[in-house]
Amino acid sequence: MGLLDLTGAQTVFWAASRVMQARGLPGYQLHTASLEGGLVPSAEGLAVDTSRLEQLAAVAIDTFIVPGAPAICQTLDDYSTLTDWLHANAARGRRIASVCSGAFLLAKAGLLDGRRAATHWAMCDTLKQAFPAIEVDADAIFIQQGTVWTSAGVSAGIDLALALVEADCGREVSMAVARELVVYLKRPGGQAQYSTLLQSQSRDAAAFEHLHLWLSENLGDPRLNVERLAQQACMSPRNFTRMYKLKTGRTPSKAIELFRLEAARRLLESSTGNIEQVARQCGFADEERMRSTFQRHLSISPRDYRSRFSGTA
């Protein structure tokens, strides 16, 4: 079991209960259960005390949340008793959700057949191959398909839990929880699992880390171009272009475009500024330039993107 897979979502519901109880309303009752009960070791080394699943037979269950485990792909057959239990009992609850590789348990229980589903990006191909009846979305943070929810890796369980709280208690409560936990209200379910900046950090691009941070803070500058980046990196434009492509796998011009695209997505998700304002704030020359960038990379217009993902729409 991944510790944050379990405790991330659980902390969200605990915090939501505090908010609701402060308003004189009932909160969530949380149960942590396993087949045998007792202490269950996590992959990180800490053990979690659990109840036996059979002890919950008389408990009215609203939401099942199934965490994942790092080696679940290699040991999935060892979970057959648990997946049989999930298959037989999922209908007892109003909804069932998985965090990270917990999607493999829902899949083996037959609960994801014919549905879109999310899991950790590194396990998407394995999930596709093992369960071809599932439409695996490698980008989504979380996905709701009727009463079944799945989320991407580890901390995405927090995003999923915030969405569940919002569905139950309203946006005001979920915002209060996000503020208390010092996290974004939520990354929309269709948002990419990792950002352009994070991808840049994960590549062999340590030499450009400070440049990327500077770039993300200066996207609205209309003078931003390859020469300006080279100057900031204290390199000649020719050498900078060559080294940047070698280290990051993309040209400086493409990097500027992708950073601007990501900034525009964030603003469309969280702000109420009109499309033209968002375009100029992110450094696009005009709304049409931003629209063509969205179409090229996301196959969707900025207006449709806002309609689909905005928390303020």
C-alpha atoms as a PDB file:
ATOM      1  CA  MET A   1       0.000   0.000   0.000  1.00  0.00           C
ATOM      2  CA  GLY A   2       1.200   3.492  -0.830  1.00  0.00           C
ATOM      3  CA  LEU A   3       0.907   5.619   2.303  1.00  0.00           C
ATOM      4  CA  LEU A   4      -0.077   8.874   0.577  1.00  0.00           C
ATOM      5  CA  ASP A   5      -2.541   6.989  -1.635  1.00  0.00           C
ATOM      6  CA  LEU A   6      -4.465   6.281   1.562  1.00  0.00           C
ATOM      7  CA  THR A   7      -3.747   9.257   3.794  1.00  0.00           C
ATOM      8  CA  GLY A   8      -4.011  11.995   1.144  1.00  0.00           C
ATOM      9  CA  ALA A   9      -7.673  11.324   0.445  1.00  0.00           C
ATOM     10  CA  GLN A  10      -8.380  10.488   4.058  1.00  0.00           C
ATOM     11  CA  THR A  11      -6.957  13.823   5.231  1.00  0.00           C
ATOM     12  CA  VAL A  12      -9.217  15.677   2.790  1.00  0.00           C
ATOM     13  CA  PHE A  13     -12.319  13.995   4.219  1.00  0.00           C
ATOM     14  CA  TRP A  14     -11.091  14.589   7.785  1.00  0.00           C
ATOM     15  CA  ALA A  15     -10.581  18.292   7.051  1.00  0.00           C
ATOM     16  CA  ALA A  16     -13.977  18.502   5.352  1.00  0.00           C
ATOM     17  CA  SER A  17     -15.580  17.003   8.460  1.00  0.00           C
ATOM     18  CA  ARG A  18     -13.989  19.734  10.583  1.00  0.00           C
ATOM     19  CA  VAL A  19     -15.388  22.401   8.282  1.00  0.00           C
ATOM     20  CA  MET A  20     -18.858  20.844   8.259  1.00  0.00           C
ATOM     21  CA  GLN A  21     -18.968  20.302  12.027  1.00  0.00           C
ATOM     22  CA  ALA A  22     -17.977  23.939  12.600  1.00  0.00           C
ATOM     23  CA  ARG A  23     -21.168  24.800  10.715  1.00  0.00           C
ATOM     24  CA  GLY A  24     -23.283  22.457  12.810  1.00  0.00           C
ATOM     25  CA  LEU A  25     -23.480  19.836  10.069  1.00  0.00           C
ATOM     26  CA  PRO A  26     -22.467  16.176  10.163  1.00  0.00           C
ATOM     27  CA  GLY A  27     -19.139  15.233   8.660  1.00  0.00           C
ATOM     28  CA  TYR A  28     -17.730  12.021   7.242  1.00  0.00           C
ATOM     29  CA  GLN A  29     -17.196   8.846   9.249  1.00  0.00           C
ATOM     30  CA  LEU A  30     -13.939   7.259   8.126  1.00  0.00           C
ATOM     31  CA  HIS A  31     -13.081   3.564   8.229  1.00  0.00           C
ATOM     32  CA  THR A  32      -9.754   2.046   7.180  1.00  0.00           C
ATOM     33  CA  ALA A  33     -10.147  -1.642   6.402  1.00  0.00           C
ATOM     34  CA  SER A  34      -8.245  -4.622   5.048  1.00  0.00           C
ATOM     35  CA  LEU A  35      -9.097  -8.268   4.502  1.00  0.00           C
ATOM     36  CA  GLU A  36      -7.491  -9.510   7.697  1.00  0.00           C
ATOM     37  CA  GLY A  37      -7.515  -6.316   9.759  1.00  0.00           C
ATOM     38  CA  GLY A  38      -4.706  -5.255  12.073  1.00  0.00           C
ATOM     39  CA  LEU A  39      -1.502  -3.472  11.122  1.00  0.00           C
ATOM     40  CA  VAL A  40      -0.866  -3.211   7.378  1.00  0.00           C
ATOM     41  CA  PRO A  41       2.639  -2.095   6.356  1.00  0.00           C
ATOM     42  CA  SER A  42       2.946   0.658   3.779  1.00  0.00           C
ATOM     43  CA  ALA A  43       5.575   0.744   1.059  1.00  0.00           C
ATOM     44  CA  GLU A  44       7.201   3.634   2.910  1.00  0.00           C
ATOM     45  CA  GLY A  45       7.662   1.584   6.083  1.00  0.00           C
ATOM     46  CA  LEU A  46       4.892   2.913   8.305  1.00  0.00           C
ATOM     47  CA  ALA A  47       2.106   0.554   9.363  1.00  0.00           C
ATOM     48  CA  VAL A  48      -1.586   1.498   9.380  1.00  0.00           C
ATOM     49  CA  ASP A  49      -4.081  -0.027  11.808  1.00  0.00           C
ATOM     50  CA  THR A  50      -7.117  -1.401   9.970  1.00  0.00           C
ATOM     51  CA  SER A  51     -10.438  -3.080  10.683  1.00  0.00           C
ATOM     52  CA  ARG A  52     -11.423  -6.377   9.058  1.00  0.00           C
ATOM     53  CA  LEU A  53     -13.595  -5.849   6.000  1.00  0.00           C
ATOM     54  CA  GLU A  54     -16.192  -8.256   7.365  1.00  0.00           C
ATOM     55  CA  GLN A  55     -16.626  -5.948  10.375  1.00  0.00           C
ATOM     56  CA  LEU A  56     -18.125  -3.385   7.983  1.00  0.00           C
ATOM     57  CA  ALA A  57     -20.866  -5.760   6.847  1.00  0.00           C
ATOM     58  CA  ALA A  58     -23.483  -3.908   8.882  1.00  0.00           C
ATOM     59  CA  VAL A  59     -22.119  -0.426   8.125  1.00  0.00           C
ATOM     60  CA  ALA A  60     -23.819   1.740   5.507  1.00  0.00           C
ATOM     61  CA  ILE A  61     -21.050   2.574   3.039  1.00  0.00           C
ATOM     62  CA  ASP A  62     -21.255   5.730   0.955  1.00  0.00           C
ATOM     63  CA  THR A  63     -17.825   5.775  -0.725  1.00  0.00           C
ATOM     64  CA  PHE A  64     -15.180   3.094  -1.209  1.00  0.00           C
ATOM     65  CA  ILE A  65     -11.646   4.399  -1.874  1.00  0.00           C
ATOM     66  CA  VAL A  66      -9.070   1.840  -2.992  1.00  0.00           C
ATOM     67  CA  PRO A  67      -5.399   2.877  -2.685  1.00  0.00           C
ATOM     68  CA  GLY A  68      -2.653   1.421  -4.822  1.00  0.00           C
ATOM     69  CA  ALA A  69       0.715  -0.175  -4.161  1.00  0.00           C
ATOM     70  CA  PRO A  70       4.047   0.252  -5.979  1.00  0.00           C
ATOM     71  CA  ALA A  71       4.432  -3.395  -7.089  1.00  0.00           C
ATOM     72  CA  ILE A  72       0.765  -4.088  -7.764  1.00  0.00           C
ATOM     73  CA  CYS A  73       1.302  -4.825 -11.466  1.00  0.00           C
ATOM     74  CA  GLN A  74       3.611  -7.733 -10.640  1.00  0.00           C
ATOM     75  CA  THR A  75       1.531  -9.107  -7.756  1.00  0.00           C
ATOM     76  CA  LEU A  76      -2.017  -8.518  -8.971  1.00  0.00           C
ATOM     77  CA  ASP A  77      -2.949 -12.201  -8.767  1.00  0.00           C
ATOM     78  CA  ASP A  78      -2.190 -12.087  -5.033  1.00  0.00           C
ATOM     79  CA  TYR A  79      -5.136  -9.708  -4.608  1.00  0.00           C
ATOM     80  CA  SER A  80      -7.804 -12.042  -6.013  1.00  0.00           C
ATOM     81  CA  THR A  81      -9.618 -12.360  -2.663  1.00  0.00           C
ATOM     82  CA  LEU A  82      -9.790  -8.590  -2.357  1.00  0.00           C
ATOM     83  CA  THR A  83     -10.907  -8.032  -5.957  1.00  0.00           C
ATOM     84  CA  ASP A  84     -13.589 -10.710  -5.535  1.00  0.00           C
ATOM     85  CA  TRP A  85     -14.791  -8.816  -2.457  1.00  0.00           C
ATOM     86  CA  LEU A  86     -14.829  -5.518  -4.387  1.00  0.00           C
ATOM     87  CA  HIS A  87     -16.790  -7.128  -7.219  1.00  0.00           C
ATOM     88  CA  ALA A  88     -19.382  -8.477  -4.779  1.00  0.00           C
ATOM     89  CA  ASN A  89     -19.656  -5.387  -2.570  1.00  0.00           C
ATOM     90  CA  ALA A  90     -19.090  -2.322  -4.790  1.00  0.00           C
ATOM     91  CA  ALA A  91     -22.823  -1.888  -5.308  1.00  0.00           C
ATOM     92  CA  ARG A  92     -23.285  -1.440  -1.545  1.00  0.00           C
ATOM     93  CA  GLY A  93     -21.818   2.047  -1.834  1.00  0.00           C
ATOM     94  CA  ARG A  94     -22.971   5.118  -3.699  1.00  0.00           C
ATOM     95  CA  ARG A  95     -19.633   5.316  -5.492  1.00  0.00           C
ATOM     96  CA  ILE A  96     -16.212   3.688  -5.616  1.00  0.00           C
ATOM     97  CA  ALA A  97     -12.867   5.339  -6.339  1.00  0.00           C
ATOM     98  CA  SER A  98      -9.241   4.339  -6.803  1.00  0.00           C
ATOM     99  CA  VAL A  99      -6.021   6.213  -6.211  1.00  0.00           C
ATOM    100  CA  CYS A 100      -2.996   5.622  -8.441  1.00  0.00           C
ATOM    101  CA  SER A 101      -2.460   1.898  -9.121  1.00  0.00           C
ATOM    102  CA  GLY A 102      -5.613   1.076  -7.160  1.00  0.00           C
ATOM    103  CA  ALA A 103      -7.181   1.236 -10.639  1.00  0.00           C
ATOM    104  CA  PHE A 104      -5.704  -2.238 -11.260  1.00  0.00           C
ATOM    105  CA  LEU A 105      -7.787  -3.617  -8.392  1.00  0.00           C
ATOM    106  CA  LEU A 106     -10.969  -2.041  -9.773  1.00  0.00           C
ATOM    107  CA  ALA A 107     -10.047  -3.367 -13.207  1.00  0.00           C
ATOM    108  CA  LYS A 108      -9.501  -6.925 -11.962  1.00  0.00           C
ATOM    109  CA  ALA A 109     -12.822  -6.675 -10.116  1.00  0.00           C
ATOM    110  CA  GLY A 110     -14.481  -5.927 -13.464  1.00  0.00           C
ATOM    111  CA  LEU A 111     -15.580  -2.457 -12.391  1.00  0.00           C
ATOM    112  CA  LEU A 112     -13.799  -0.523 -15.162  1.00  0.00           C
ATOM    113  CA  ASP A 113     -14.834  -2.511 -18.230  1.00  0.00           C
ATOM    114  CA  GLY A 114     -16.078  -0.179 -20.954  1.00  0.00           C
ATOM    115  CA  ARG A 115     -15.099   2.933 -18.962  1.00  0.00           C
ATOM    116  CA  ARG A 116     -12.442   5.628 -19.191  1.00  0.00           C
ATOM    117  CA  ALA A 117      -9.973   5.405 -16.335  1.00  0.00           C
ATOM    118  CA  ALA A 118      -6.863   7.100 -14.968  1.00  0.00           C
ATOM    119  CA  THR A 119      -3.831   5.742 -13.177  1.00  0.00           C
ATOM    120  CA  HIS A 120      -0.219   6.788 -12.675  1.00  0.00           C
ATOM    121  CA  TRP A 121       1.239   7.829 -16.034  1.00  0.00           C
ATOM    122  CA  ALA A 122       4.043   5.255 -15.733  1.00  0.00           C
ATOM    123  CA  MET A 123       1.492   2.407 -15.453  1.00  0.00           C
ATOM    124  CA  CYS A 124      -0.923   3.430 -18.214  1.00  0.00           C
ATOM    125  CA  ASP A 125       0.504   1.141 -20.892  1.00  0.00           C
ATOM    126  CA  THR A 126       0.503  -1.806 -18.493  1.00  0.00           C
ATOM    127  CA  LEU A 127      -3.140  -1.171 -17.577  1.00  0.00           C
ATOM    128  CA  LYS A 128      -4.089  -0.951 -21.271  1.00  0.00           C
ATOM    129  CA  GLN A 129      -2.349  -4.210 -22.093  1.00  0.00           C
ATOM    130  CA  ALA A 130      -3.728  -6.112 -19.106  1.00  0.00           C
ATOM    131  CA  PHE A 131      -7.303  -4.833 -19.473  1.00  0.00           C
ATOM    132  CA  PRO A 132      -8.027  -3.895 -23.112  1.00  0.00           C
ATOM    133  CA  ALA A 133     -11.720  -3.260 -22.333  1.00  0.00           C
ATOM    134  CA  ILE A 134     -10.709  -0.101 -20.445  1.00  0.00           C
ATOM    135  CA  GLU A 135     -10.075   3.244 -22.171  1.00  0.00           C
ATOM    136  CA  VAL A 136      -6.990   4.430 -20.286  1.00  0.00           C
ATOM    137  CA  ASP A 137      -6.430   8.195 -20.229  1.00  0.00           C
ATOM    138  CA  ALA A 138      -2.732   8.886 -19.660  1.00  0.00           C
ATOM    139  CA  ASP A 139      -3.211  12.615 -19.055  1.00  0.00           C
ATOM    140  CA  ALA A 140      -6.150  12.953 -16.693  1.00  0.00           C
ATOM    141  CA  ILE A 141      -5.664  13.796 -13.019  1.00  0.00           C
ATOM    142  CA  PHE A 142      -8.928  12.034 -12.208  1.00  0.00           C
ATOM    143  CA  ILE A 143     -11.939  10.732 -14.105  1.00  0.00           C
ATOM    144  CA  GLN A 144     -15.553  10.219 -13.118  1.00  0.00           C
ATOM    145  CA  GLN A 145     -17.522   7.622 -15.056  1.00  0.00           C
ATOM    146  CA  GLY A 146     -20.915   7.356 -13.422  1.00  0.00           C
ATOM    147  CA  THR A 147     -20.400   5.988  -9.912  1.00  0.00           C
ATOM    148  CA  VAL A 148     -16.767   5.019 -10.556  1.00  0.00           C
ATOM    149  CA  TRP A 149     -13.889   7.465 -10.047  1.00  0.00           C
ATOM    150  CA  THR A 150     -10.217   6.856 -10.790  1.00  0.00           C
ATOM    151  CA  SER A 151      -7.235   9.104 -10.216  1.00  0.00           C
ATOM    152  CA  ALA A 152      -3.634   9.390 -11.329  1.00  0.00           C
ATOM    153  CA  GLY A 153      -0.549   8.913  -9.202  1.00  0.00           C
ATOM    154  CA  VAL A 154      -0.232   9.455  -5.458  1.00  0.00           C
ATOM    155  CA  SER A 155      -1.052  13.116  -4.736  1.00  0.00           C
ATOM    156  CA  ALA A 156      -3.787  13.053  -7.399  1.00  0.00           C
ATOM    157  CA  GLY A 157      -5.844  11.253  -4.763  1.00  0.00           C
ATOM    158  CA  ILE A 158      -6.049  14.608  -2.988  1.00  0.00           C
ATOM    159  CA  ASP A 159      -7.468  16.205  -6.123  1.00  0.00           C
ATOM    160  CA  LEU A 160      -9.981  13.390  -6.463  1.00  0.00           C
ATOM    161  CA  ALA A 161     -11.021  13.665  -2.805  1.00  0.00           C
ATOM    162  CA  LEU A 162     -11.484  17.432  -3.122  1.00  0.00           C
ATOM    163  CA  ALA A 163     -13.748  16.821  -6.115  1.00  0.00           C
ATOM    164  CA  LEU A 164     -15.761  14.285  -4.127  1.00  0.00           C
ATOM    165  CA  VAL A 165     -16.105  16.764  -1.250  1.00  0.00           C
ATOM    166  CA  GLU A 166     -17.208  19.463  -3.682  1.00  0.00           C
ATOM    167  CA  ALA A 167     -19.828  17.110  -5.117  1.00  0.00           C
ATOM    168  CA  ASP A 168     -21.087  16.310  -1.605  1.00  0.00           C
ATOM    169  CA  CYS A 169     -20.753  19.594   0.251  1.00  0.00           C
ATOM    170  CA  GLY A 170     -20.352  22.345  -2.346  1.00  0.00           C
ATOM    171  CA  ARG A 171     -17.506  24.443  -3.632  1.00  0.00           C
ATOM    172  CA  GLU A 172     -17.269  26.656  -0.556  1.00  0.00           C
ATOM    173  CA  VAL A 173     -16.448  23.694   1.686  1.00  0.00           C
ATOM    174  CA  SER A 174     -13.934  22.233  -0.765  1.00  0.00           C
ATOM    175  CA  MET A 175     -12.250  25.637  -1.005  1.00  0.00           C
ATOM    176  CA  ALA A 176     -12.022  25.817   2.785  1.00  0.00           C
ATOM    177  CA  VAL A 177     -10.437  22.367   2.847  1.00  0.00           C
ATOM    178  CA  ALA A 178      -7.952  23.297   0.121  1.00  0.00           C
ATOM    179  CA  ARG A 179      -6.959  26.424   2.036  1.00  0.00           C
ATOM    180  CA  GLU A 180      -6.457  24.455   5.254  1.00  0.00           C
ATOM    181  CA  LEU A 181      -4.313  21.847   3.501  1.00  0.00           C
ATOM    182  CA  VAL A 182      -2.459  24.535   1.504  1.00  0.00           C
ATOM    183  CA  VAL A 183      -3.177  22.923  -1.866  1.00  0.00           C
ATOM    184  CA  TYR A 184      -4.799  24.157  -5.069  1.00  0.00           C
ATOM    185  CA  LEU A 185      -8.586  23.907  -4.874  1.00  0.00           C
ATOM    186  CA  LYS A 186      -8.287  21.227  -7.470  1.00  0.00           C
ATOM    187  CA  ARG A 187      -6.515  20.493 -10.668  1.00  0.00           C
ATOM    188  CA  PRO A 188      -9.382  19.783 -13.063  1.00  0.00           C
ATOM    189  CA  GLY A 189      -9.845  16.127 -13.861  1.00  0.00           C
ATOM    190  CA  GLY A 190      -8.835  16.521 -17.496  1.00  0.00           C
ATOM    191  CA  GLN A 191      -5.694  18.488 -16.760  1.00  0.00           C
ATOM    192  CA  ALA A 192      -2.318  16.994 -17.630  1.00  0.00           C
ATOM    193  CA  GLN A 193      -0.687  14.889 -14.924  1.00  0.00           C
ATOM    194  CA  TYR A 194       2.505  16.915 -14.938  1.00  0.00           C
ATOM    195  CA  SER A 195       3.328  20.429 -16.060  1.00  0.00           C
ATOM    196  CA  THR A 196       5.703  21.811 -18.681  1.00  0.00           C
ATOM    197  CA  LEU A 197       7.867  23.208 -15.891  1.00  0.00           C
ATOM    198  CA  LEU A 198       7.961  19.847 -14.119  1.00  0.00           C
ATOM    199  CA  GLN A 199       8.793  18.056 -17.357  1.00  0.00           C
ATOM    200  CA  SER A 200      11.620  20.532 -17.892  1.00  0.00           C
ATOM    201  CA  GLN A 201      12.941  19.838 -14.415  1.00  0.00           C
ATOM    202  CA  SER A 202      12.796  16.086 -14.932  1.00  0.00           C
ATOM    203  CA  ARG A 203      14.878  16.126 -18.085  1.00  0.00           C
ATOM    204  CA  ASP A 204      18.650  16.561 -18.337  1.00  0.00           C
ATOM    205  CA  ALA A 205      18.136  20.313 -18.046  1.00  0.00           C
ATOM    206  CA  ALA A 206      19.518  21.344 -14.665  1.00  0.00           C
ATOM    207  CA  ALA A 207      21.549  24.063 -16.365  1.00  0.00           C
ATOM    208  CA  PHE A 208      18.303  25.761 -17.417  1.00  0.00           C
ATOM    209  CA  GLU A 209      16.348  25.418 -14.160  1.00  0.00           C
ATOM    210  CA  HIS A 210      16.705  29.088 -13.212  1.00  0.00           C
ATOM    211  CA  LEU A 211      15.941  30.117 -16.792  1.00  0.00           C
ATOM    212  CA  HIS A 212      12.694  28.139 -16.716  1.00  0.00           C
ATOM    213  CA  LEU A 213      11.641  29.815 -13.488  1.00  0.00           C
ATOM    214  CA  TRP A 214      12.456  33.227 -14.975  1.00  0.00           C
ATOM    215  CA  LEU A 215      10.559  32.303 -18.143  1.00  0.00           C
ATOM    216  CA  SER A 216       7.455  31.311 -16.193  1.00  0.00           C
ATOM    217  CA  GLU A 217       7.479  34.710 -14.469  1.00  0.00           C
ATOM    218  CA  ASN A 218       7.953  36.752 -17.658  1.00  0.00           C
ATOM    219  CA  LEU A 219       5.605  35.134 -20.164  1.00  0.00           C
ATOM    220  CA  GLY A 220       3.612  38.325 -20.661  1.00  0.00           C
ATOM    221  CA  ASP A 221       6.637  40.230 -21.954  1.00  0.00           C
ATOM    222  CA  PRO A 222       5.998  40.856 -25.680  1.00  0.00           C
ATOM    223  CA  ARG A 223       9.778  41.092 -26.240  1.00  0.00           C
ATOM    224  CA  LEU A 224      10.291  37.496 -25.138  1.00  0.00           C
ATOM    225  CA  ASN A 225      12.174  35.593 -27.819  1.00  0.00           C
ATOM    226  CA  VAL A 226      15.144  33.281 -28.312  1.00  0.00           C
ATOM    227  CA  GLU A 227      17.619  36.141 -28.143  1.00  0.00           C
ATOM    228  CA  ARG A 228      16.181  37.311 -24.827  1.00  0.00           C
ATOM    229  CA  LEU A 229      16.402  33.801 -23.382  1.00  0.00           C
ATOM    230  CA  ALA A 230      19.978  33.456 -24.584  1.00  0.00           C
ATOM    231  CA  GLN A 231      20.846  36.766 -22.919  1.00  0.00           C
ATOM    232  CA  GLN A 232      19.245  35.597 -19.675  1.00  0.00           C
ATOM    233  CA  ALA A 233      21.252  32.358 -19.895  1.00  0.00           C
ATOM    234  CA  CYS A 234      24.461  34.336 -20.598  1.00  0.00           C
ATOM    235  CA  MET A 235      25.019  32.497 -23.882  1.00  0.00           C
ATOM    236  CA  SER A 236      25.169  33.430 -27.532  1.00  0.00           C
ATOM    237  CA  PRO A 237      21.856  32.821 -29.356  1.00  0.00           C
ATOM    238  CA  ARG A 238      23.424  30.150 -31.568  1.00  0.00           C
ATOM    239  CA  ASN A 239      25.073  28.215 -28.754  1.00  0.00           C
ATOM    240  CA  PHE A 240      22.021  28.614 -26.519  1.00  0.00           C
ATOM    241  CA  THR A 241      19.672  27.216 -29.187  1.00  0.00           C
ATOM    242  CA  ARG A 242      21.947  24.235 -29.777  1.00  0.00           C
ATOM    243  CA  MET A 243      22.477  23.435 -26.088  1.00  0.00           C
ATOM    244  CA  TYR A 244      18.838  23.984 -25.156  1.00  0.00           C
ATOM    245  CA  LYS A 245      17.623  21.552 -27.813  1.00  0.00           C
ATOM    246  CA  LEU A 246      20.268  19.025 -26.754  1.00  0.00           C
ATOM    247  CA  LYS A 247      19.345  19.187 -23.048  1.00  0.00           C
ATOM    248  CA  THR A 248      15.566  19.566 -23.187  1.00  0.00           C
ATOM    249  CA  GLY A 249      14.584  17.917 -26.449  1.00  0.00           C
ATOM    250  CA  ARG A 250      12.780  21.012 -27.750  1.00  0.00           C
ATOM    251  CA  THR A 251      13.685  24.346 -29.291  1.00  0.00           C
ATOM    252  CA  PRO A 252      13.587  27.547 -27.205  1.00  0.00           C
ATOM    253  CA  SER A 253      10.706  28.841 -29.328  1.00  0.00           C
ATOM    254  CA  LYS A 254       8.697  25.702 -28.646  1.00  0.00           C
ATOM    255  CA  ALA A 255       9.448  26.032 -24.921  1.00  0.00           C
ATOM    256  CA  ILE A 256       8.089  29.593 -24.889  1.00  0.00           C
ATOM    257  CA  GLU A 257       4.932  28.409 -26.648  1.00  0.00           C
ATOM    258  CA  LEU A 258       4.378  25.510 -24.227  1.00  0.00           C
ATOM    259  CA  PHE A 259       4.978  27.624 -21.129  1.00  0.00           C
ATOM    260  CA  ARG A 260       2.488  30.195 -22.442  1.00  0.00           C
ATOM    261  CA  LEU A 261      -0.021  27.439 -23.210  1.00  0.00           C
ATOM    262  CA  GLU A 262       0.223  26.094 -19.673  1.00  0.00           C
ATOM    263  CA  ALA A 263      -0.160  29.571 -18.155  1.00  0.00           C
ATOM    264  CA  ALA A 264      -3.237  30.202 -20.303  1.00  0.00           C
ATOM    265  CA  ARG A 265      -4.760  26.899 -19.210  1.00  0.00           C
ATOM    266  CA  ARG A 266      -4.315  27.833 -15.551  1.00  0.00           C
ATOM    267  CA  LEU A 267      -5.935  31.234 -16.070  1.00  0.00           C
ATOM    268  CA  LEU A 268      -8.842  29.788 -18.034  1.00  0.00           C
ATOM    269  CA  GLU A 269      -9.413  27.287 -15.231  1.00  0.00           C
ATOM    270  CA  SER A 270      -9.257  29.782 -12.365  1.00  0.00           C
ATOM    271  CA  SER A 271      -9.962  33.337 -13.549  1.00  0.00           C
ATOM    272  CA  THR A 272     -12.908  35.216 -15.012  1.00  0.00           C
ATOM    273  CA  GLY A 273     -10.905  37.416 -17.403  1.00  0.00           C
ATOM    274  CA  ASN A 274     -12.087  37.346 -21.007  1.00  0.00           C
ATOM    275  CA  ILE A 275     -10.230  35.321 -23.622  1.00  0.00           C
ATOM    276  CA  GLU A 276      -8.435  38.330 -25.101  1.00  0.00           C
ATOM    277  CA  GLN A 277      -7.174  39.379 -21.642  1.00  0.00           C
ATOM    278  CA  VAL A 278      -5.904  35.878 -20.931  1.00  0.00           C
ATOM    279  CA  ALA A 279      -4.131  35.792 -24.303  1.00  0.00           C
ATOM    280  CA  ARG A 280      -2.312  39.064 -23.693  1.00  0.00           C
ATOM    281  CA  GLN A 281      -1.494  38.249 -20.080  1.00  0.00           C
ATOM    282  CA  CYS A 282       0.227  35.055 -21.213  1.00  0.00           C
ATOM    283  CA  GLY A 283       2.155  36.763 -24.006  1.00  0.00           C
ATOM    284  CA  PHE A 284       0.166  35.639 -27.041  1.00  0.00           C
ATOM    285  CA  ALA A 285      -0.067  38.419 -29.598  1.00  0.00           C
ATOM    286  CA  ASP A 286      -3.840  38.109 -29.713  1.00  0.00           C
ATOM    287  CA  GLU A 287      -6.744  35.764 -29.108  1.00  0.00           C
ATOM    288  CA  GLU A 288      -6.377  34.122 -32.515  1.00  0.00           C
ATOM    289  CA  ARG A 289      -2.737  33.202 -31.837  1.00  0.00           C
ATOM    290  CA  MET A 290      -3.742  31.583 -28.563  1.00  0.00           C
ATOM    291  CA  ARG A 291      -6.654  29.778 -30.222  1.00  0.00           C
ATOM    292  CA  SER A 292      -4.412  28.232 -32.868  1.00  0.00           C
ATOM    293  CA  THR A 293      -1.943  27.115 -30.167  1.00  0.00           C
ATOM    294  CA  PHE A 294      -4.736  25.438 -28.199  1.00  0.00           C
ATOM    295  CA  GLN A 295      -6.041  23.709 -31.311  1.00  0.00           C
ATOM    296  CA  ARG A 296      -2.589  22.495 -32.297  1.00  0.00           C
ATOM    297  CA  HIS A 297      -1.705  21.030 -28.897  1.00  0.00           C
ATOM    298  CA  LEU A 298      -5.053  20.213 -27.265  1.00  0.00           C
ATOM    299  CA  SER A 299      -7.506  19.989 -30.192  1.00  0.00           C
ATOM    300  CA  ILE A 300      -9.865  22.319 -28.343  1.00  0.00           C
ATOM    301  CA  SER A 301     -10.519  26.076 -28.392  1.00  0.00           C
ATOM    302  CA  PRO A 302      -9.779  28.267 -25.347  1.00  0.00           C
ATOM    303  CA  ARG A 303     -13.502  28.924 -24.898  1.00  0.00           C
ATOM    304  CA  ASP A 304     -14.348  25.226 -24.939  1.00  0.00           C
ATOM    305  CA  TYR A 305     -11.438  24.510 -22.600  1.00  0.00           C
ATOM    306  CA  ARG A 306     -12.776  27.041 -20.088  1.00  0.00           C
ATOM    307  CA  SER A 307     -16.302  25.658 -20.414  1.00  0.00           C
ATOM    308  CA  ARG A 308     -15.025  22.147 -19.697  1.00  0.00           C
ATOM    309  CA  PHE A 309     -12.496  22.783 -16.940  1.00  0.00           C
ATOM    310  CA  SER A 310     -13.124  26.127 -15.295  1.00  0.00           C
ATOM    311  CA  GLY A 311     -14.081  26.150 -11.622  1.00  0.00           C
ATOM    312  CA  THR A 312     -15.655  29.578 -12.174  1.00  0.00           C
ATOM    313  CA  ALA A 313     -17.703  28.716 -15.254  1.00  0.00           C
END
